[in-house]
Amino acid sequence: MTSSVERLIERLREAEEDLTREADAQQKQWQYRVRRGRVWFDEEVRRAHRAFKQSIPAFIWESSVASLLTAPVIYSLLLPFMVLDVWVTLYQWVCFPIYGIARVPRRRYFVIDRHKLAYLNGIEKINCVYCGYANGVIAYVREVAARTEEYWCPIKHARAVPTPHTRYHLFFDYGDAKAYRQELPKLRRALRPSRKRKQ
């Protein structure tokens, strides 16, 4: 790995630490705490939030006709997302042990907590659950695909990838045949399940 790539990885780690600090500051600012994966607001804050809740009739009245008409199209993706979720889970449970790849912990990619906000009405809560699930599926599938790609074809593309997945930096440079042949077994071994290694 080149020193410039190592510097980029270090900057990414620093950015992740900054995001963690920002999340902690946000908890203090908006007066909530997270315990065992659940969000808690004090009753006083919940009461203040309820004052901002919009009724469902008012929400529908203020929505554009186009938004209302496209809602069924958006929600029609729920079934494909669910099929993708189940299919990719089956894929990794069947194939990853054969390849020696650590399974992706599915639960980690699904963050569904916005429905707990008292200032959202029922429709907004359903929308937020749906978006949390859909984006969780995409993130989960992306990680499963990234580990698969790292195992089978860990070669960077000739052109820049706009938003590469988190494993892409480990891949071999496009055209570096020697590194590919010599280092591929090592890269594959790094994918193996390990209690010490963070999945």
N, C-alpha and C. Protein backbone atom coordinates (compact mmCIF):
# COMPACT_ATOMS: atom_id res chain seq x y z
N MET A 1 0.85 -1.18 0.00
CA MET A 1 0.00 0.00 0.00
C MET A 1 0.89 1.24 0.00
N THR A 2 0.57 2.20 -0.84
CA THR A 2 1.39 3.39 -0.94
C THR A 2 1.16 4.31 0.24
N SER A 3 2.12 5.19 0.49
CA SER A 3 2.01 6.10 1.63
C SER A 3 0.84 7.07 1.46
N SER A 4 0.53 7.45 0.22
CA SER A 4 -0.60 8.37 0.01
C SER A 4 -1.91 7.68 0.36
N VAL A 5 -2.04 6.39 0.06
CA VAL A 5 -3.25 5.64 0.44
C VAL A 5 -3.33 5.51 1.95
N GLU A 6 -2.19 5.25 2.59
CA GLU A 6 -2.16 5.16 4.05
C GLU A 6 -2.58 6.48 4.69
N ARG A 7 -2.13 7.59 4.10
CA ARG A 7 -2.55 8.90 4.63
C ARG A 7 -4.05 9.10 4.48
N LEU A 8 -4.60 8.69 3.35
CA LEU A 8 -6.04 8.80 3.13
C LEU A 8 -6.82 7.96 4.14
N ILE A 9 -6.33 6.75 4.40
CA ILE A 9 -6.99 5.88 5.37
C ILE A 9 -6.96 6.51 6.75
N GLU A 10 -5.84 7.10 7.10
CA GLU A 10 -5.73 7.77 8.41
C GLU A 10 -6.70 8.94 8.50
N ARG A 11 -6.83 9.68 7.42
CA ARG A 11 -7.80 10.80 7.41
C ARG A 11 -9.23 10.28 7.55
N LEU A 12 -9.53 9.14 6.94
CA LEU A 12 -10.85 8.54 7.08
C LEU A 12 -11.11 8.14 8.53
N ARG A 13 -10.11 7.56 9.17
CA ARG A 13 -10.25 7.19 10.59
C ARG A 13 -10.50 8.43 11.46
N GLU A 14 -9.76 9.49 11.17
CA GLU A 14 -9.95 10.73 11.92
C GLU A 14 -11.35 11.29 11.69
N ALA A 15 -11.84 11.19 10.45
CA ALA A 15 -13.19 11.67 10.15
C ALA A 15 -14.24 10.85 10.91
N GLU A 16 -14.03 9.54 11.03
CA GLU A 16 -14.95 8.69 11.79
C GLU A 16 -14.95 9.08 13.26
N GLU A 17 -13.77 9.40 13.80
CA GLU A 17 -13.69 9.85 15.19
C GLU A 17 -14.41 11.18 15.36
N ASP A 18 -14.27 12.07 14.38
CA ASP A 18 -14.97 13.36 14.42
C ASP A 18 -16.49 13.14 14.42
N LEU A 19 -16.95 12.19 13.61
CA LEU A 19 -18.39 11.89 13.56
C LEU A 19 -18.89 11.36 14.89
N THR A 20 -18.09 10.54 15.55
CA THR A 20 -18.46 10.03 16.87
C THR A 20 -18.56 11.16 17.88
N ARG A 21 -17.58 12.06 17.85
CA ARG A 21 -17.63 13.21 18.76
C ARG A 21 -18.84 14.09 18.46
N GLU A 22 -19.15 14.26 17.19
CA GLU A 22 -20.31 15.07 16.79
C GLU A 22 -21.61 14.43 17.29
N ALA A 23 -21.70 13.11 17.20
CA ALA A 23 -22.90 12.40 17.70
C ALA A 23 -23.04 12.59 19.21
N ASP A 24 -21.93 12.53 19.93
CA ASP A 24 -21.97 12.76 21.38
C ASP A 24 -22.44 14.17 21.70
N ALA A 25 -21.94 15.14 20.96
CA ALA A 25 -22.34 16.54 21.17
C ALA A 25 -23.83 16.72 20.85
N GLN A 26 -24.28 16.03 19.82
CA GLN A 26 -25.69 16.11 19.43
C GLN A 26 -26.59 15.56 20.54
N GLN A 27 -26.16 14.47 21.17
CA GLN A 27 -26.94 13.91 22.28
C GLN A 27 -27.10 14.93 23.40
N LYS A 28 -26.03 15.62 23.69
CA LYS A 28 -26.10 16.63 24.76
C LYS A 28 -26.99 17.79 24.36
N GLN A 29 -26.82 18.25 23.13
CA GLN A 29 -27.60 19.42 22.66
C GLN A 29 -29.10 19.14 22.66
N TRP A 30 -29.50 17.95 22.17
CA TRP A 30 -30.92 17.65 22.03
C TRP A 30 -31.46 16.78 23.15
N GLN A 31 -30.65 16.61 24.19
CA GLN A 31 -31.05 16.01 25.46
C GLN A 31 -31.65 14.61 25.32
N TYR A 32 -30.91 13.73 24.70
CA TYR A 32 -31.30 12.32 24.68
C TYR A 32 -30.09 11.47 25.00
N ARG A 33 -30.34 10.23 25.32
CA ARG A 33 -29.25 9.30 25.59
C ARG A 33 -29.58 7.97 24.92
N VAL A 34 -28.54 7.24 24.61
CA VAL A 34 -28.70 5.93 23.98
C VAL A 34 -28.19 4.88 24.94
N ARG A 35 -29.09 3.97 25.30
CA ARG A 35 -28.73 2.88 26.21
C ARG A 35 -29.15 1.56 25.59
N ARG A 36 -28.19 0.65 25.47
CA ARG A 36 -28.44 -0.67 24.89
C ARG A 36 -29.17 -0.57 23.56
N GLY A 37 -28.73 0.39 22.75
CA GLY A 37 -29.28 0.55 21.41
C GLY A 37 -30.63 1.26 21.34
N ARG A 38 -31.14 1.70 22.47
CA ARG A 38 -32.44 2.40 22.49
C ARG A 38 -32.24 3.86 22.86
N VAL A 39 -33.07 4.71 22.27
CA VAL A 39 -32.98 6.15 22.50
C VAL A 39 -33.99 6.55 23.57
N TRP A 40 -33.54 7.40 24.48
CA TRP A 40 -34.39 7.86 25.58
C TRP A 40 -34.37 9.38 25.66
N PHE A 41 -35.57 9.96 25.72
CA PHE A 41 -35.74 11.38 25.98
C PHE A 41 -36.39 11.53 27.34
N ASP A 42 -36.07 12.61 28.04
CA ASP A 42 -36.77 12.92 29.28
C ASP A 42 -38.21 13.29 28.93
N GLU A 43 -39.12 13.09 29.88
CA GLU A 43 -40.54 13.38 29.63
C GLU A 43 -40.77 14.84 29.27
N GLU A 44 -40.02 15.72 29.87
CA GLU A 44 -40.16 17.16 29.56
C GLU A 44 -39.83 17.44 28.09
N VAL A 45 -38.79 16.81 27.59
CA VAL A 45 -38.39 16.98 26.19
C VAL A 45 -39.44 16.37 25.28
N ARG A 46 -39.95 15.20 25.64
CA ARG A 46 -40.99 14.55 24.83
C ARG A 46 -42.25 15.44 24.75
N ARG A 47 -42.59 16.05 25.85
CA ARG A 47 -43.75 16.95 25.89
C ARG A 47 -43.52 18.13 24.95
N ALA A 48 -42.31 18.69 24.99
CA ALA A 48 -41.98 19.81 24.10
C ALA A 48 -42.03 19.37 22.64
N HIS A 49 -41.57 18.16 22.35
CA HIS A 49 -41.61 17.63 20.98
C HIS A 49 -43.04 17.49 20.48
N ARG A 50 -43.93 17.01 21.35
CA ARG A 50 -45.32 16.79 20.94
C ARG A 50 -45.99 18.10 20.51
N ALA A 51 -45.51 19.20 21.03
CA ALA A 51 -46.08 20.51 20.64
C ALA A 51 -45.80 20.81 19.16
N PHE A 52 -44.79 20.18 18.58
CA PHE A 52 -44.44 20.40 17.17
C PHE A 52 -45.03 19.35 16.23
N LYS A 53 -45.78 18.41 16.77
CA LYS A 53 -46.34 17.33 15.96
C LYS A 53 -47.46 17.86 15.08
N GLN A 54 -47.41 17.55 13.80
CA GLN A 54 -48.43 17.97 12.85
C GLN A 54 -49.46 16.86 12.71
N SER A 55 -50.73 17.22 12.68
CA SER A 55 -51.76 16.19 12.53
C SER A 55 -51.67 15.56 11.15
N ILE A 56 -52.17 14.34 11.04
CA ILE A 56 -52.13 13.64 9.75
C ILE A 56 -52.97 14.38 8.69
N PRO A 57 -54.19 14.85 9.01
CA PRO A 57 -54.93 15.60 7.99
C PRO A 57 -54.18 16.85 7.51
N ALA A 58 -53.55 17.58 8.44
CA ALA A 58 -52.78 18.77 8.05
C ALA A 58 -51.57 18.39 7.19
N PHE A 59 -50.94 17.28 7.54
CA PHE A 59 -49.79 16.81 6.77
C PHE A 59 -50.21 16.48 5.34
N ILE A 60 -51.32 15.76 5.19
CA ILE A 60 -51.81 15.41 3.86
C ILE A 60 -52.22 16.65 3.09
N TRP A 61 -52.90 17.56 3.77
CA TRP A 61 -53.37 18.80 3.12
C TRP A 61 -52.20 19.63 2.59
N GLU A 62 -51.10 19.67 3.33
CA GLU A 62 -49.94 20.48 2.93
C GLU A 62 -49.03 19.77 1.93
N SER A 63 -49.24 18.46 1.73
CA SER A 63 -48.42 17.73 0.77
C SER A 63 -48.85 18.07 -0.65
N SER A 64 -47.91 18.01 -1.56
CA SER A 64 -48.27 18.26 -2.97
C SER A 64 -48.97 17.03 -3.53
N VAL A 65 -49.77 17.26 -4.54
CA VAL A 65 -50.47 16.16 -5.21
C VAL A 65 -49.46 15.17 -5.78
N ALA A 66 -48.37 15.69 -6.35
CA ALA A 66 -47.34 14.83 -6.93
C ALA A 66 -46.74 13.91 -5.86
N SER A 67 -46.50 14.45 -4.66
CA SER A 67 -45.96 13.63 -3.57
C SER A 67 -46.91 12.51 -3.19
N LEU A 68 -48.19 12.86 -3.11
CA LEU A 68 -49.19 11.85 -2.75
C LEU A 68 -49.30 10.77 -3.82
N LEU A 69 -49.23 11.17 -5.10
CA LEU A 69 -49.35 10.22 -6.19
C LEU A 69 -48.13 9.31 -6.33
N THR A 70 -46.96 9.81 -5.95
CA THR A 70 -45.75 8.99 -6.08
C THR A 70 -45.50 8.09 -4.87
N ALA A 71 -46.22 8.30 -3.77
CA ALA A 71 -46.03 7.48 -2.57
C ALA A 71 -46.16 5.98 -2.86
N PRO A 72 -47.18 5.54 -3.62
CA PRO A 72 -47.26 4.10 -3.91
C PRO A 72 -46.05 3.59 -4.70
N VAL A 73 -45.47 4.43 -5.55
CA VAL A 73 -44.30 4.01 -6.32
C VAL A 73 -43.12 3.79 -5.37
N ILE A 74 -42.94 4.72 -4.44
CA ILE A 74 -41.86 4.58 -3.46
C ILE A 74 -42.04 3.30 -2.65
N TYR A 75 -43.25 3.09 -2.14
CA TYR A 75 -43.49 1.93 -1.29
C TYR A 75 -43.54 0.62 -2.07
N SER A 76 -43.68 0.70 -3.39
CA SER A 76 -43.65 -0.53 -4.19
C SER A 76 -42.28 -1.21 -4.15
N LEU A 77 -41.26 -0.46 -3.73
CA LEU A 77 -39.91 -1.02 -3.62
C LEU A 77 -39.74 -1.87 -2.36
N LEU A 78 -40.69 -1.81 -1.45
CA LEU A 78 -40.54 -2.56 -0.20
C LEU A 78 -40.35 -4.06 -0.46
N LEU A 79 -41.16 -4.64 -1.32
CA LEU A 79 -41.03 -6.07 -1.60
C LEU A 79 -39.67 -6.41 -2.22
N PRO A 80 -39.21 -5.67 -3.26
CA PRO A 80 -37.86 -5.97 -3.77
C PRO A 80 -36.76 -5.81 -2.72
N PHE A 81 -36.88 -4.79 -1.86
CA PHE A 81 -35.88 -4.63 -0.79
C PHE A 81 -35.90 -5.84 0.15
N MET A 82 -37.09 -6.32 0.49
CA MET A 82 -37.19 -7.46 1.39
C MET A 82 -36.63 -8.74 0.74
N VAL A 83 -36.94 -8.92 -0.54
CA VAL A 83 -36.41 -10.08 -1.25
C VAL A 83 -34.88 -10.00 -1.30
N LEU A 84 -34.35 -8.81 -1.63
CA LEU A 84 -32.90 -8.61 -1.68
C LEU A 84 -32.27 -8.90 -0.32
N ASP A 85 -32.87 -8.39 0.74
CA ASP A 85 -32.39 -8.59 2.10
C ASP A 85 -32.30 -10.09 2.42
N VAL A 86 -33.38 -10.81 2.18
CA VAL A 86 -33.42 -12.25 2.47
C VAL A 86 -32.44 -13.01 1.58
N TRP A 87 -32.41 -12.66 0.29
CA TRP A 87 -31.57 -13.40 -0.66
C TRP A 87 -30.08 -13.21 -0.34
N VAL A 88 -29.69 -11.99 -0.05
CA VAL A 88 -28.28 -11.72 0.27
C VAL A 88 -27.89 -12.38 1.60
N THR A 89 -28.81 -12.39 2.54
CA THR A 89 -28.54 -13.07 3.81
C THR A 89 -28.32 -14.56 3.57
N LEU A 90 -29.18 -15.18 2.77
CA LEU A 90 -29.00 -16.60 2.43
C LEU A 90 -27.68 -16.82 1.71
N TYR A 91 -27.39 -15.93 0.76
CA TYR A 91 -26.14 -16.03 0.00
C TYR A 91 -24.93 -16.05 0.93
N GLN A 92 -24.85 -15.10 1.83
CA GLN A 92 -23.65 -15.05 2.67
C GLN A 92 -23.63 -16.20 3.68
N TRP A 93 -24.78 -16.67 4.15
CA TRP A 93 -24.80 -17.80 5.08
C TRP A 93 -24.38 -19.09 4.39
N VAL A 94 -24.70 -19.22 3.10
CA VAL A 94 -24.31 -20.42 2.37
C VAL A 94 -22.87 -20.32 1.86
N CYS A 95 -22.54 -19.21 1.22
CA CYS A 95 -21.27 -19.10 0.50
C CYS A 95 -20.08 -18.63 1.34
N PHE A 96 -20.29 -17.68 2.23
CA PHE A 96 -19.15 -17.12 2.96
C PHE A 96 -18.38 -18.18 3.76
N PRO A 97 -19.03 -19.13 4.43
CA PRO A 97 -18.24 -20.16 5.12
C PRO A 97 -17.40 -20.99 4.15
N ILE A 98 -17.92 -21.23 2.96
CA ILE A 98 -17.18 -22.00 1.95
C ILE A 98 -15.94 -21.23 1.51
N TYR A 99 -16.10 -19.91 1.31
CA TYR A 99 -14.98 -19.07 0.87
C TYR A 99 -14.04 -18.72 2.01
N GLY A 100 -14.51 -18.91 3.25
CA GLY A 100 -13.70 -18.51 4.40
C GLY A 100 -13.80 -17.02 4.69
N ILE A 101 -14.93 -16.41 4.34
CA ILE A 101 -15.14 -14.98 4.57
C ILE A 101 -16.00 -14.81 5.82
N ALA A 102 -15.62 -13.87 6.67
CA ALA A 102 -16.43 -13.56 7.85
C ALA A 102 -17.77 -13.00 7.40
N ARG A 103 -18.83 -13.49 8.03
CA ARG A 103 -20.17 -13.00 7.68
C ARG A 103 -20.33 -11.55 8.12
N VAL A 104 -21.14 -10.83 7.37
CA VAL A 104 -21.45 -9.43 7.69
C VAL A 104 -22.54 -9.44 8.76
N PRO A 105 -22.32 -8.77 9.88
CA PRO A 105 -23.35 -8.72 10.92
C PRO A 105 -24.51 -7.81 10.48
N ARG A 106 -25.57 -8.41 10.00
CA ARG A 106 -26.70 -7.69 9.39
C ARG A 106 -27.26 -6.60 10.29
N ARG A 107 -27.46 -6.90 11.55
CA ARG A 107 -28.10 -5.98 12.49
C ARG A 107 -27.39 -4.61 12.55
N ARG A 108 -26.10 -4.64 12.39
CA ARG A 108 -25.29 -3.42 12.50
C ARG A 108 -25.67 -2.36 11.46
N TYR A 109 -26.23 -2.78 10.34
CA TYR A 109 -26.51 -1.87 9.24
C TYR A 109 -27.92 -1.27 9.26
N PHE A 110 -28.73 -1.72 10.20
CA PHE A 110 -30.11 -1.24 10.27
C PHE A 110 -30.29 -0.36 11.50
N VAL A 111 -30.43 0.92 11.26
CA VAL A 111 -30.64 1.88 12.35
C VAL A 111 -32.04 2.45 12.16
N ILE A 112 -32.95 1.95 12.96
CA ILE A 112 -34.34 2.38 12.86
C ILE A 112 -34.74 2.92 14.22
N ASP A 113 -34.68 4.25 14.35
CA ASP A 113 -34.97 4.86 15.64
C ASP A 113 -35.76 6.17 15.53
N ARG A 114 -35.94 6.68 14.33
CA ARG A 114 -36.60 7.98 14.18
C ARG A 114 -38.09 7.94 14.52
N HIS A 115 -38.68 6.75 14.48
CA HIS A 115 -40.10 6.63 14.82
C HIS A 115 -40.36 6.93 16.30
N LYS A 116 -39.30 7.04 17.09
CA LYS A 116 -39.43 7.37 18.51
C LYS A 116 -39.59 8.87 18.76
N LEU A 117 -39.40 9.66 17.72
CA LEU A 117 -39.49 11.11 17.88
C LEU A 117 -40.95 11.55 18.00
N ALA A 118 -41.27 12.19 19.11
CA ALA A 118 -42.66 12.56 19.40
C ALA A 118 -43.18 13.67 18.49
N TYR A 119 -42.31 14.38 17.78
CA TYR A 119 -42.79 15.45 16.89
C TYR A 119 -43.16 14.95 15.50
N LEU A 120 -43.04 13.64 15.26
CA LEU A 120 -43.45 13.07 13.98
C LEU A 120 -44.84 12.46 14.11
N ASN A 121 -45.67 12.64 13.07
CA ASN A 121 -46.98 11.99 13.08
C ASN A 121 -46.83 10.56 12.54
N GLY A 122 -47.94 9.83 12.50
CA GLY A 122 -47.90 8.44 12.08
C GLY A 122 -47.34 8.23 10.69
N ILE A 123 -47.72 9.06 9.74
CA ILE A 123 -47.22 8.91 8.37
C ILE A 123 -45.72 9.17 8.32
N GLU A 124 -45.28 10.22 9.00
CA GLU A 124 -43.85 10.53 9.02
C GLU A 124 -43.05 9.40 9.68
N LYS A 125 -43.60 8.80 10.72
CA LYS A 125 -42.91 7.70 11.39
C LYS A 125 -42.78 6.50 10.46
N ILE A 126 -43.86 6.18 9.75
CA ILE A 126 -43.80 5.06 8.80
C ILE A 126 -42.78 5.35 7.71
N ASN A 127 -42.78 6.59 7.20
CA ASN A 127 -41.79 6.98 6.19
C ASN A 127 -40.37 6.80 6.70
N CYS A 128 -40.14 7.21 7.94
CA CYS A 128 -38.80 7.12 8.52
C CYS A 128 -38.37 5.67 8.74
N VAL A 129 -39.29 4.82 9.15
CA VAL A 129 -38.97 3.40 9.31
C VAL A 129 -38.62 2.81 7.96
N TYR A 130 -39.42 3.14 6.95
CA TYR A 130 -39.17 2.63 5.60
C TYR A 130 -37.79 3.08 5.08
N CYS A 131 -37.48 4.36 5.23
CA CYS A 131 -36.19 4.87 4.76
C CYS A 131 -35.03 4.23 5.52
N GLY A 132 -35.18 4.07 6.83
CA GLY A 132 -34.14 3.42 7.62
C GLY A 132 -33.91 1.99 7.17
N TYR A 133 -35.00 1.28 6.89
CA TYR A 133 -34.88 -0.10 6.43
C TYR A 133 -34.24 -0.16 5.04
N ALA A 134 -34.74 0.66 4.11
CA ALA A 134 -34.23 0.64 2.73
C ALA A 134 -32.74 0.98 2.69
N ASN A 135 -32.33 2.01 3.40
CA ASN A 135 -30.92 2.38 3.42
C ASN A 135 -30.08 1.35 4.17
N GLY A 136 -30.67 0.70 5.18
CA GLY A 136 -29.97 -0.38 5.87
C GLY A 136 -29.72 -1.56 4.95
N VAL A 137 -30.73 -1.91 4.14
CA VAL A 137 -30.56 -3.00 3.18
C VAL A 137 -29.43 -2.68 2.21
N ILE A 138 -29.45 -1.45 1.68
CA ILE A 138 -28.43 -1.06 0.70
C ILE A 138 -27.03 -1.11 1.33
N ALA A 139 -26.88 -0.60 2.55
CA ALA A 139 -25.57 -0.61 3.22
C ALA A 139 -25.11 -2.04 3.51
N TYR A 140 -26.03 -2.86 3.97
CA TYR A 140 -25.74 -4.26 4.28
C TYR A 140 -25.32 -5.02 3.01
N VAL A 141 -26.11 -4.86 1.96
CA VAL A 141 -25.80 -5.53 0.69
C VAL A 141 -24.47 -5.04 0.14
N ARG A 142 -24.20 -3.74 0.30
CA ARG A 142 -22.94 -3.20 -0.20
C ARG A 142 -21.75 -3.84 0.50
N GLU A 143 -21.87 -4.05 1.80
CA GLU A 143 -20.76 -4.68 2.54
C GLU A 143 -20.59 -6.14 2.14
N VAL A 144 -21.69 -6.86 1.97
CA VAL A 144 -21.61 -8.25 1.51
C VAL A 144 -20.95 -8.28 0.13
N ALA A 145 -21.37 -7.38 -0.75
CA ALA A 145 -20.79 -7.33 -2.10
C ALA A 145 -19.32 -6.93 -2.05
N ALA A 146 -18.97 -6.01 -1.14
CA ALA A 146 -17.57 -5.57 -1.01
C ALA A 146 -16.67 -6.73 -0.58
N ARG A 147 -17.14 -7.53 0.38
CA ARG A 147 -16.34 -8.68 0.83
C ARG A 147 -16.23 -9.72 -0.28
N THR A 148 -17.31 -9.89 -1.04
CA THR A 148 -17.27 -10.81 -2.17
C THR A 148 -16.27 -10.33 -3.21
N GLU A 149 -16.32 -9.03 -3.49
CA GLU A 149 -15.39 -8.46 -4.47
C GLU A 149 -13.95 -8.57 -3.99
N GLU A 150 -13.74 -8.34 -2.70
CA GLU A 150 -12.38 -8.45 -2.16
C GLU A 150 -11.85 -9.88 -2.31
N TYR A 151 -12.72 -10.84 -2.20
CA TYR A 151 -12.30 -12.24 -2.33
C TYR A 151 -12.04 -12.61 -3.80
N TRP A 152 -12.96 -12.26 -4.69
CA TRP A 152 -12.90 -12.72 -6.06
C TRP A 152 -12.16 -11.81 -7.04
N CYS A 153 -12.27 -10.51 -6.87
CA CYS A 153 -11.64 -9.61 -7.85
C CYS A 153 -11.20 -8.29 -7.20
N PRO A 154 -10.24 -8.36 -6.29
CA PRO A 154 -9.81 -7.15 -5.58
C PRO A 154 -8.82 -6.30 -6.39
N ILE A 155 -9.30 -5.80 -7.51
CA ILE A 155 -8.48 -4.95 -8.37
C ILE A 155 -9.19 -3.61 -8.54
N LYS A 156 -8.47 -2.54 -8.31
CA LYS A 156 -9.06 -1.21 -8.50
C LYS A 156 -9.38 -1.01 -9.97
N HIS A 157 -10.32 -0.15 -10.25
CA HIS A 157 -10.68 0.15 -11.63
C HIS A 157 -9.69 1.14 -12.23
N ALA A 158 -9.65 1.18 -13.54
CA ALA A 158 -8.76 2.11 -14.24
C ALA A 158 -9.20 3.56 -14.01
N ARG A 159 -10.52 3.77 -13.95
CA ARG A 159 -11.06 5.10 -13.71
C ARG A 159 -11.44 5.25 -12.24
N ALA A 160 -11.47 6.47 -11.77
CA ALA A 160 -11.83 6.72 -10.37
C ALA A 160 -13.28 6.32 -10.12
N VAL A 161 -13.52 5.68 -8.99
CA VAL A 161 -14.87 5.31 -8.58
C VAL A 161 -15.40 6.44 -7.71
N PRO A 162 -16.59 6.99 -8.02
CA PRO A 162 -17.09 8.15 -7.28
C PRO A 162 -17.20 7.95 -5.77
N THR A 163 -17.81 6.86 -5.33
CA THR A 163 -17.94 6.59 -3.89
C THR A 163 -17.60 5.12 -3.63
N PRO A 164 -16.31 4.81 -3.57
CA PRO A 164 -15.92 3.42 -3.37
C PRO A 164 -16.32 2.91 -1.99
N HIS A 165 -16.56 1.61 -1.90
CA HIS A 165 -16.89 1.02 -0.61
C HIS A 165 -15.65 1.02 0.29
N THR A 166 -15.84 0.70 1.54
CA THR A 166 -14.77 0.84 2.55
C THR A 166 -13.62 -0.13 2.37
N ARG A 167 -13.77 -1.16 1.56
CA ARG A 167 -12.71 -2.14 1.36
C ARG A 167 -11.89 -1.87 0.10
N TYR A 168 -12.37 -0.96 -0.71
CA TYR A 168 -11.76 -0.70 -2.02
C TYR A 168 -10.29 -0.30 -1.92
N HIS A 169 -9.93 0.44 -0.89
CA HIS A 169 -8.54 0.89 -0.74
C HIS A 169 -7.55 -0.27 -0.56
N LEU A 170 -8.06 -1.43 -0.17
CA LEU A 170 -7.21 -2.61 0.01
C LEU A 170 -6.87 -3.30 -1.31
N PHE A 171 -7.61 -2.96 -2.36
CA PHE A 171 -7.48 -3.65 -3.64
C PHE A 171 -6.16 -3.31 -4.32
N PHE A 172 -5.78 -4.17 -5.25
CA PHE A 172 -4.54 -3.99 -5.99
C PHE A 172 -4.75 -2.96 -7.11
N ASP A 173 -3.68 -2.24 -7.39
CA ASP A 173 -3.75 -1.24 -8.46
C ASP A 173 -4.05 -1.91 -9.79
N TYR A 174 -4.78 -1.21 -10.60
CA TYR A 174 -5.12 -1.68 -11.94
C TYR A 174 -3.81 -1.85 -12.73
N GLY A 175 -3.56 -3.05 -13.21
CA GLY A 175 -2.35 -3.31 -13.98
C GLY A 175 -1.21 -3.90 -13.17
N ASP A 176 -1.33 -3.98 -11.85
CA ASP A 176 -0.26 -4.53 -11.02
C ASP A 176 -0.42 -6.04 -10.91
N ALA A 177 -0.01 -6.75 -11.97
CA ALA A 177 -0.18 -8.20 -12.06
C ALA A 177 0.61 -8.93 -10.98
N LYS A 178 1.82 -8.46 -10.70
CA LYS A 178 2.68 -9.12 -9.73
C LYS A 178 2.05 -9.11 -8.33
N ALA A 179 1.60 -7.94 -7.89
CA ALA A 179 0.98 -7.83 -6.57
C ALA A 179 -0.28 -8.69 -6.50
N TYR A 180 -1.06 -8.69 -7.57
CA TYR A 180 -2.28 -9.49 -7.59
C TYR A 180 -1.96 -10.97 -7.37
N ARG A 181 -1.02 -11.49 -8.11
CA ARG A 181 -0.68 -12.92 -8.00
C ARG A 181 -0.01 -13.26 -6.67
N GLN A 182 0.84 -12.36 -6.18
CA GLN A 182 1.59 -12.66 -4.96
C GLN A 182 0.79 -12.39 -3.68
N GLU A 183 -0.03 -11.34 -3.69
CA GLU A 183 -0.69 -10.91 -2.46
C GLU A 183 -2.14 -11.34 -2.31
N LEU A 184 -2.73 -11.92 -3.37
CA LEU A 184 -4.13 -12.32 -3.30
C LEU A 184 -4.42 -13.29 -2.15
N PRO A 185 -3.60 -14.34 -1.95
CA PRO A 185 -3.90 -15.25 -0.82
C PRO A 185 -3.90 -14.53 0.53
N LYS A 186 -3.00 -13.60 0.71
CA LYS A 186 -2.93 -12.84 1.97
C LYS A 186 -4.19 -12.00 2.16
N LEU A 187 -4.64 -11.34 1.09
CA LEU A 187 -5.85 -10.51 1.16
C LEU A 187 -7.07 -11.37 1.49
N ARG A 188 -7.12 -12.56 0.90
CA ARG A 188 -8.23 -13.46 1.19
C ARG A 188 -8.19 -13.96 2.63
N ARG A 189 -7.01 -14.23 3.14
CA ARG A 189 -6.89 -14.68 4.54
C ARG A 189 -7.39 -13.60 5.50
N ALA A 190 -7.19 -12.35 5.14
CA ALA A 190 -7.63 -11.25 6.00
C ALA A 190 -9.15 -11.18 6.12
N LEU A 191 -9.85 -11.84 5.21
CA LEU A 191 -11.32 -11.85 5.25
C LEU A 191 -11.89 -12.92 6.18
N ARG A 192 -11.03 -13.81 6.66
CA ARG A 192 -11.51 -14.91 7.49
C ARG A 192 -12.10 -14.41 8.80
N PRO A 193 -13.06 -15.17 9.33
CA PRO A 193 -13.64 -14.78 10.62
C PRO A 193 -12.58 -14.78 11.72
N SER A 194 -12.66 -13.79 12.57
CA SER A 194 -11.74 -13.70 13.70
C SER A 194 -12.44 -12.97 14.83
N ARG A 195 -12.32 -13.50 16.01
CA ARG A 195 -12.94 -12.83 17.16
C ARG A 195 -12.27 -11.52 17.46
N LYS A 196 -10.98 -11.44 17.20
CA LYS A 196 -10.23 -10.23 17.51
C LYS A 196 -10.49 -9.14 16.48
N ARG A 197 -10.67 -9.55 15.20
CA ARG A 197 -10.83 -8.57 14.13
C ARG A 197 -12.25 -8.06 14.13
N LYS A 198 -12.41 -6.74 14.05
CA LYS A 198 -13.72 -6.12 14.00
C LYS A 198 -14.34 -6.41 12.65
N GLN A 199 -15.54 -6.97 12.61
CA GLN A 199 -16.22 -7.27 11.36
C GLN A 199 -16.95 -6.06 10.90
